[in-house]
Amino acid sequence: MNLADYLKKHSLTHRGFGEKVGVQQSHITNILSGRKSPSLRLMRRIIEVTNGGVTVGDLYNPKAPSRLKVNDENT
């Protein structure tokens, strides 16, 4: 289940969910809009808070800016 569906199903606002996972409402909004990808730490927290209802596959957006570093030996 994607995060937007989870929030809707559980009648949670971006602000309310942000409080549960320890980030500001704007960060949740940016993740939902695809402007940012959550860090691994935040992904883990979201998965924990949603009891696995939202997965890494649901959260990871390869097109969104990420703080995750990729080592590519070809560059």
PDB file of N, CA and C in Angstrom:
ATOM      1  N   MET A   1       0.860  -1.168   0.000  1.00  0.00           N
ATOM      2  CA  MET A   1       0.000   0.000   0.000  1.00  0.00           C
ATOM      3  C   MET A   1       0.907   1.232   0.000  1.00  0.00           C
ATOM      4  N   ASN A   2       0.613   2.199  -0.860  1.00  0.00           N
ATOM      5  CA  ASN A   2       1.456   3.394  -0.833  1.00  0.00           C
ATOM      6  C   ASN A   2       1.085   4.278   0.353  1.00  0.00           C
ATOM      7  N   LEU A   3       1.966   5.227   0.640  1.00  0.00           N
ATOM      8  CA  LEU A   3       1.799   6.049   1.826  1.00  0.00           C
ATOM      9  C   LEU A   3       0.528   6.885   1.769  1.00  0.00           C
ATOM     10  N   ALA A   4       0.209   7.424   0.609  1.00  0.00           N
ATOM     11  CA  ALA A   4      -1.015   8.235   0.481  1.00  0.00           C
ATOM     12  C   ALA A   4      -2.250   7.405   0.818  1.00  0.00           C
ATOM     13  N   ASP A   5      -2.303   6.182   0.319  1.00  0.00           N
ATOM     14  CA  ASP A   5      -3.442   5.303   0.615  1.00  0.00           C
ATOM     15  C   ASP A   5      -3.502   4.962   2.103  1.00  0.00           C
ATOM     16  N   TYR A   6      -2.336   4.738   2.707  1.00  0.00           N
ATOM     17  CA  TYR A   6      -2.291   4.441   4.133  1.00  0.00           C
ATOM     18  C   TYR A   6      -2.849   5.607   4.944  1.00  0.00           C
ATOM     19  N   LEU A   7      -2.406   6.826   4.621  1.00  0.00           N
ATOM     20  CA  LEU A   7      -2.877   7.998   5.354  1.00  0.00           C
ATOM     21  C   LEU A   7      -4.381   8.166   5.210  1.00  0.00           C
ATOM     22  N   LYS A   8      -4.866   7.970   4.000  1.00  0.00           N
ATOM     23  CA  LYS A   8      -6.307   8.108   3.753  1.00  0.00           C
ATOM     24  C   LYS A   8      -7.095   7.037   4.518  1.00  0.00           C
ATOM     25  N   LYS A   9      -6.629   5.805   4.440  1.00  0.00           N
ATOM     26  CA  LYS A   9      -7.312   4.693   5.104  1.00  0.00           C
ATOM     27  C   LYS A   9      -7.396   4.903   6.613  1.00  0.00           C
ATOM     28  N   HIS A  10      -6.358   5.501   7.190  1.00  0.00           N
ATOM     29  CA  HIS A  10      -6.303   5.691   8.633  1.00  0.00           C
ATOM     30  C   HIS A  10      -6.649   7.118   9.061  1.00  0.00           C
ATOM     31  N   SER A  11      -7.183   7.887   8.130  1.00  0.00           N
ATOM     32  CA  SER A  11      -7.614   9.274   8.398  1.00  0.00           C
ATOM     33  C   SER A  11      -6.517  10.094   9.079  1.00  0.00           C
ATOM     34  N   LEU A  12      -5.304   9.987   8.544  1.00  0.00           N
ATOM     35  CA  LEU A  12      -4.165  10.715   9.090  1.00  0.00           C
ATOM     36  C   LEU A  12      -3.804  11.889   8.183  1.00  0.00           C
ATOM     37  N   THR A  13      -3.471  13.011   8.797  1.00  0.00           N
ATOM     38  CA  THR A  13      -2.983  14.156   8.041  1.00  0.00           C
ATOM     39  C   THR A  13      -1.476  14.022   7.864  1.00  0.00           C
ATOM     40  N   HIS A  14      -0.928  14.820   6.953  1.00  0.00           N
ATOM     41  CA  HIS A  14       0.527  14.827   6.775  1.00  0.00           C
ATOM     42  C   HIS A  14       1.191  15.230   8.083  1.00  0.00           C
ATOM     43  N   ARG A  15       0.607  16.193   8.760  1.00  0.00           N
ATOM     44  CA  ARG A  15       1.160  16.666  10.028  1.00  0.00           C
ATOM     45  C   ARG A  15       1.102  15.577  11.104  1.00  0.00           C
ATOM     46  N   GLY A  16      -0.048  14.937  11.225  1.00  0.00           N
ATOM     47  CA  GLY A  16      -0.214  13.887  12.232  1.00  0.00           C
ATOM     48  C   GLY A  16       0.724  12.719  12.004  1.00  0.00           C
ATOM     49  N   PHE A  17       0.885  12.324  10.747  1.00  0.00           N
ATOM     50  CA  PHE A  17       1.782  11.216  10.451  1.00  0.00           C
ATOM     51  C   PHE A  17       3.236  11.637  10.665  1.00  0.00           C
ATOM     52  N   GLY A  18       3.557  12.861  10.272  1.00  0.00           N
ATOM     53  CA  GLY A  18       4.906  13.375  10.506  1.00  0.00           C
ATOM     54  C   GLY A  18       5.276  13.317  11.973  1.00  0.00           C
ATOM     55  N   GLU A  19       4.326  13.663  12.837  1.00  0.00           N
ATOM     56  CA  GLU A  19       4.575  13.600  14.281  1.00  0.00           C
ATOM     57  C   GLU A  19       4.841  12.173  14.729  1.00  0.00           C
ATOM     58  N   LYS A  20       4.129  11.218  14.143  1.00  0.00           N
ATOM     59  CA  LYS A  20       4.315   9.814  14.517  1.00  0.00           C
ATOM     60  C   LYS A  20       5.704   9.298  14.131  1.00  0.00           C
ATOM     61  N   VAL A  21       6.220   9.772  12.989  1.00  0.00           N
ATOM     62  CA  VAL A  21       7.514   9.265  12.526  1.00  0.00           C
ATOM     63  C   VAL A  21       8.668  10.206  12.834  1.00  0.00           C
ATOM     64  N   GLY A  22       8.369  11.377  13.390  1.00  0.00           N
ATOM     65  CA  GLY A  22       9.418  12.281  13.839  1.00  0.00           C
ATOM     66  C   GLY A  22       9.953  13.258  12.812  1.00  0.00           C
ATOM     67  N   VAL A  23       9.122  13.631  11.840  1.00  0.00           N
ATOM     68  CA  VAL A  23       9.527  14.647  10.864  1.00  0.00           C
ATOM     69  C   VAL A  23       8.417  15.679  10.722  1.00  0.00           C
ATOM     70  N   GLN A  24       8.743  16.780  10.071  1.00  0.00           N
ATOM     71  CA  GLN A  24       7.746  17.824   9.878  1.00  0.00           C
ATOM     72  C   GLN A  24       6.772  17.462   8.762  1.00  0.00           C
ATOM     73  N   GLN A  25       5.616  18.097   8.824  1.00  0.00           N
ATOM     74  CA  GLN A  25       4.571  17.891   7.823  1.00  0.00           C
ATOM     75  C   GLN A  25       5.096  18.115   6.412  1.00  0.00           C
ATOM     76  N   SER A  26       5.926  19.118   6.228  1.00  0.00           N
ATOM     77  CA  SER A  26       6.438  19.440   4.891  1.00  0.00           C
ATOM     78  C   SER A  26       7.272  18.298   4.317  1.00  0.00           C
ATOM     79  N   HIS A  27       7.969  17.572   5.166  1.00  0.00           N
ATOM     80  CA  HIS A  27       8.774  16.446   4.688  1.00  0.00           C
ATOM     81  C   HIS A  27       7.862  15.327   4.174  1.00  0.00           C
ATOM     82  N   ILE A  28       6.795  15.049   4.889  1.00  0.00           N
ATOM     83  CA  ILE A  28       5.831  14.040   4.437  1.00  0.00           C
ATOM     84  C   ILE A  28       5.207  14.489   3.115  1.00  0.00           C
ATOM     85  N   THR A  29       4.844  15.754   3.021  1.00  0.00           N
ATOM     86  CA  THR A  29       4.268  16.296   1.785  1.00  0.00           C
ATOM     87  C   THR A  29       5.250  16.137   0.624  1.00  0.00           C
ATOM     88  N   ASN A  30       6.520  16.429   0.851  1.00  0.00           N
ATOM     89  CA  ASN A  30       7.528  16.291  -0.203  1.00  0.00           C
ATOM     90  C   ASN A  30       7.711  14.844  -0.642  1.00  0.00           C
ATOM     91  N   ILE A  31       7.641  13.914   0.291  1.00  0.00           N
ATOM     92  CA  ILE A  31       7.737  12.492  -0.055  1.00  0.00           C
ATOM     93  C   ILE A  31       6.530  12.079  -0.889  1.00  0.00           C
ATOM     94  N   LEU A  32       5.350  12.488  -0.455  1.00  0.00           N
ATOM     95  CA  LEU A  32       4.125  12.109  -1.171  1.00  0.00           C
ATOM     96  C   LEU A  32       4.059  12.714  -2.569  1.00  0.00           C
ATOM     97  N   SER A  33       4.618  13.909  -2.734  1.00  0.00           N
ATOM     98  CA  SER A  33       4.571  14.566  -4.044  1.00  0.00           C
ATOM     99  C   SER A  33       5.691  14.113  -4.966  1.00  0.00           C
ATOM    100  N   GLY A  34       6.634  13.321  -4.447  1.00  0.00           N
ATOM    101  CA  GLY A  34       7.738  12.837  -5.264  1.00  0.00           C
ATOM    102  C   GLY A  34       8.911  13.794  -5.340  1.00  0.00           C
ATOM    103  N   ARG A  35       8.872  14.858  -4.564  1.00  0.00           N
ATOM    104  CA  ARG A  35       9.987  15.808  -4.570  1.00  0.00           C
ATOM    105  C   ARG A  35      11.185  15.292  -3.786  1.00  0.00           C
ATOM    106  N   LYS A  36      10.954  14.369  -2.862  1.00  0.00           N
ATOM    107  CA  LYS A  36      12.033  13.785  -2.060  1.00  0.00           C
ATOM    108  C   LYS A  36      11.770  12.314  -1.815  1.00  0.00           C
ATOM    109  N   SER A  37      12.841  11.590  -1.594  1.00  0.00           N
ATOM    110  CA  SER A  37      12.744  10.211  -1.119  1.00  0.00           C
ATOM    111  C   SER A  37      13.159  10.216   0.345  1.00  0.00           C
ATOM    112  N   PRO A  38      12.532   9.386   1.159  1.00  0.00           N
ATOM    113  CA  PRO A  38      12.929   9.337   2.568  1.00  0.00           C
ATOM    114  C   PRO A  38      14.294   8.677   2.729  1.00  0.00           C
ATOM    115  N   SER A  39      14.996   9.060   3.778  1.00  0.00           N
ATOM    116  CA  SER A  39      16.254   8.397   4.113  1.00  0.00           C
ATOM    117  C   SER A  39      15.950   6.958   4.530  1.00  0.00           C
ATOM    118  N   LEU A  40      16.989   6.139   4.591  1.00  0.00           N
ATOM    119  CA  LEU A  40      16.779   4.761   5.048  1.00  0.00           C
ATOM    120  C   LEU A  40      16.225   4.731   6.466  1.00  0.00           C
ATOM    121  N   ARG A  41      16.722   5.619   7.304  1.00  0.00           N
ATOM    122  CA  ARG A  41      16.237   5.686   8.691  1.00  0.00           C
ATOM    123  C   ARG A  41      14.751   6.013   8.733  1.00  0.00           C
ATOM    124  N   LEU A  42      14.331   6.989   7.917  1.00  0.00           N
ATOM    125  CA  LEU A  42      12.918   7.352   7.892  1.00  0.00           C
ATOM    126  C   LEU A  42      12.076   6.249   7.262  1.00  0.00           C
ATOM    127  N   MET A  43      12.598   5.608   6.227  1.00  0.00           N
ATOM    128  CA  MET A  43      11.864   4.472   5.639  1.00  0.00           C
ATOM    129  C   MET A  43      11.594   3.416   6.707  1.00  0.00           C
ATOM    130  N   ARG A  44      12.642   3.103   7.473  1.00  0.00           N
ATOM    131  CA  ARG A  44      12.496   2.098   8.528  1.00  0.00           C
ATOM    132  C   ARG A  44      11.428   2.521   9.533  1.00  0.00           C
ATOM    133  N   ARG A  45      11.432   3.796   9.893  1.00  0.00           N
ATOM    134  CA  ARG A  45      10.457   4.310  10.867  1.00  0.00           C
ATOM    135  C   ARG A  45       9.039   4.245  10.301  1.00  0.00           C
ATOM    136  N   ILE A  46       8.871   4.604   9.033  1.00  0.00           N
ATOM    137  CA  ILE A  46       7.544   4.553   8.402  1.00  0.00           C
ATOM    138  C   ILE A  46       7.040   3.118   8.360  1.00  0.00           C
ATOM    139  N   ILE A  47       7.903   2.190   7.984  1.00  0.00           N
ATOM    140  CA  ILE A  47       7.514   0.781   7.936  1.00  0.00           C
ATOM    141  C   ILE A  47       7.107   0.304   9.321  1.00  0.00           C
ATOM    142  N   GLU A  48       7.866   0.715  10.328  1.00  0.00           N
ATOM    143  CA  GLU A  48       7.567   0.341  11.717  1.00  0.00           C
ATOM    144  C   GLU A  48       6.216   0.912  12.165  1.00  0.00           C
ATOM    145  N   VAL A  49       5.999   2.201  11.930  1.00  0.00           N
ATOM    146  CA  VAL A  49       4.761   2.866  12.368  1.00  0.00           C
ATOM    147  C   VAL A  49       3.539   2.307  11.633  1.00  0.00           C
ATOM    148  N   THR A  50       3.714   1.918  10.377  1.00  0.00           N
ATOM    149  CA  THR A  50       2.582   1.384   9.606  1.00  0.00           C
ATOM    150  C   THR A  50       2.454  -0.131   9.750  1.00  0.00           C
ATOM    151  N   ASN A  51       3.260  -0.724  10.630  1.00  0.00           N
ATOM    152  CA  ASN A  51       3.256  -2.178  10.832  1.00  0.00           C
ATOM    153  C   ASN A  51       3.434  -2.940   9.521  1.00  0.00           C
ATOM    154  N   GLY A  52       4.300  -2.415   8.670  1.00  0.00           N
ATOM    155  CA  GLY A  52       4.581  -3.072   7.399  1.00  0.00           C
ATOM    156  C   GLY A  52       3.542  -2.811   6.326  1.00  0.00           C
ATOM    157  N   GLY A  53       2.565  -1.986   6.627  1.00  0.00           N
ATOM    158  CA  GLY A  53       1.546  -1.665   5.629  1.00  0.00           C
ATOM    159  C   GLY A  53       2.104  -0.890   4.453  1.00  0.00           C
ATOM    160  N   VAL A  54       3.141  -0.123   4.700  1.00  0.00           N
ATOM    161  CA  VAL A  54       3.872   0.598   3.663  1.00  0.00           C
ATOM    162  C   VAL A  54       5.267  -0.005   3.640  1.00  0.00           C
ATOM    163  N   THR A  55       5.759  -0.363   2.466  1.00  0.00           N
ATOM    164  CA  THR A  55       7.043  -1.050   2.329  1.00  0.00           C
ATOM    165  C   THR A  55       8.091  -0.146   1.685  1.00  0.00           C
ATOM    166  N   VAL A  56       9.328  -0.620   1.659  1.00  0.00           N
ATOM    167  CA  VAL A  56      10.403   0.113   0.990  1.00  0.00           C
ATOM    168  C   VAL A  56      10.040   0.339  -0.471  1.00  0.00           C
ATOM    169  N   GLY A  57       9.499  -0.675  -1.114  1.00  0.00           N
ATOM    170  CA  GLY A  57       9.093  -0.543  -2.515  1.00  0.00           C
ATOM    171  C   GLY A  57       8.036   0.531  -2.719  1.00  0.00           C
ATOM    172  N   ASP A  58       7.189   0.714  -1.721  1.00  0.00           N
ATOM    173  CA  ASP A  58       6.163   1.759  -1.796  1.00  0.00           C
ATOM    174  C   ASP A  58       6.769   3.146  -1.615  1.00  0.00           C
ATOM    175  N   LEU A  59       7.849   3.238  -0.861  1.00  0.00           N
ATOM    176  CA  LEU A  59       8.438   4.525  -0.504  1.00  0.00           C
ATOM    177  C   LEU A  59       9.523   4.999  -1.458  1.00  0.00           C
ATOM    178  N   TYR A  60      10.273   4.087  -2.038  1.00  0.00           N
ATOM    179  CA  TYR A  60      11.416   4.474  -2.850  1.00  0.00           C
ATOM    180  C   TYR A  60      10.965   5.028  -4.194  1.00  0.00           C
ATOM    181  N   ASN A  61      11.438   6.217  -4.505  1.00  0.00           N
ATOM    182  CA  ASN A  61      11.144   6.860  -5.784  1.00  0.00           C
ATOM    183  C   ASN A  61      12.476   7.165  -6.451  1.00  0.00           C
ATOM    184  N   PRO A  62      12.883   6.379  -7.456  1.00  0.00           N
ATOM    185  CA  PRO A  62      14.198   6.580  -8.065  1.00  0.00           C
ATOM    186  C   PRO A  62      14.345   7.931  -8.771  1.00  0.00           C
ATOM    187  N   LYS A  63      13.252   8.586  -9.074  1.00  0.00           N
ATOM    188  CA  LYS A  63      13.314   9.881  -9.754  1.00  0.00           C
ATOM    189  C   LYS A  63      13.429  11.053  -8.789  1.00  0.00           C
ATOM    190  N   ALA A  64      13.159  10.825  -7.510  1.00  0.00           N
ATOM    191  CA  ALA A  64      13.212  11.895  -6.515  1.00  0.00           C
ATOM    192  C   ALA A  64      14.637  12.054  -5.985  1.00  0.00           C
ATOM    193  N   PRO A  65      15.012  13.281  -5.647  1.00  0.00           N
ATOM    194  CA  PRO A  65      16.332  13.477  -5.037  1.00  0.00           C
ATOM    195  C   PRO A  65      16.454  12.647  -3.762  1.00  0.00           C
ATOM    196  N   SER A  66      17.636  12.104  -3.568  1.00  0.00           N
ATOM    197  CA  SER A  66      17.856  11.233  -2.416  1.00  0.00           C
ATOM    198  C   SER A  66      19.193  11.556  -1.769  1.00  0.00           C
ATOM    199  N   ARG A  67      19.265  11.319  -0.476  1.00  0.00           N
ATOM    200  CA  ARG A  67      20.534  11.461   0.227  1.00  0.00           C
ATOM    201  C   ARG A  67      21.330  10.171   0.186  1.00  0.00           C
ATOM    202  N   LEU A  68      20.775   9.141  -0.420  1.00  0.00           N
ATOM    203  CA  LEU A  68      21.479   7.876  -0.510  1.00  0.00           C
ATOM    204  C   LEU A  68      22.586   8.005  -1.543  1.00  0.00           C
ATOM    205  N   LYS A  69      23.769   7.539  -1.201  1.00  0.00           N
ATOM    206  CA  LYS A  69      24.900   7.629  -2.126  1.00  0.00           C
ATOM    207  C   LYS A  69      25.074   6.299  -2.822  1.00  0.00           C
ATOM    208  N   VAL A  70      25.379   6.381  -4.102  1.00  0.00           N
ATOM    209  CA  VAL A  70      25.616   5.183  -4.904  1.00  0.00           C
ATOM    210  C   VAL A  70      27.057   5.224  -5.357  1.00  0.00           C
ATOM    211  N   ASN A  71      27.775   4.159  -5.089  1.00  0.00           N
ATOM    212  CA  ASN A  71      29.163   4.064  -5.564  1.00  0.00           C
ATOM    213  C   ASN A  71      29.141   3.388  -6.915  1.00  0.00           C
ATOM    214  N   ASP A  72      29.608   4.110  -7.916  1.00  0.00           N
ATOM    215  CA  ASP A  72      29.660   3.561  -9.265  1.00  0.00           C
ATOM    216  C   ASP A  72      31.108   3.606  -9.729  1.00  0.00           C
ATOM    217  N   GLU A  73      31.716   2.470  -9.867  1.00  0.00           N
ATOM    218  CA  GLU A  73      33.132   2.414 -10.235  1.00  0.00           C
ATOM    219  C   GLU A  73      33.365   2.852 -11.664  1.00  0.00           C
ATOM    220  N   ASN A  74      32.327   2.980 -12.456  1.00  0.00           N
ATOM    221  CA  ASN A  74      32.469   3.380 -13.862  1.00  0.00           C
ATOM    222  C   ASN A  74      32.501   4.883 -14.053  1.00  0.00           C
ATOM    223  N   THR A  75      32.373   5.662 -12.977  1.00  0.00           N
ATOM    224  CA  THR A  75      32.388   7.120 -13.104  1.00  0.00           C
ATOM    225  C   THR A  75      33.673   7.705 -12.606  1.00  0.00           C
TER     226      THR A  75
END
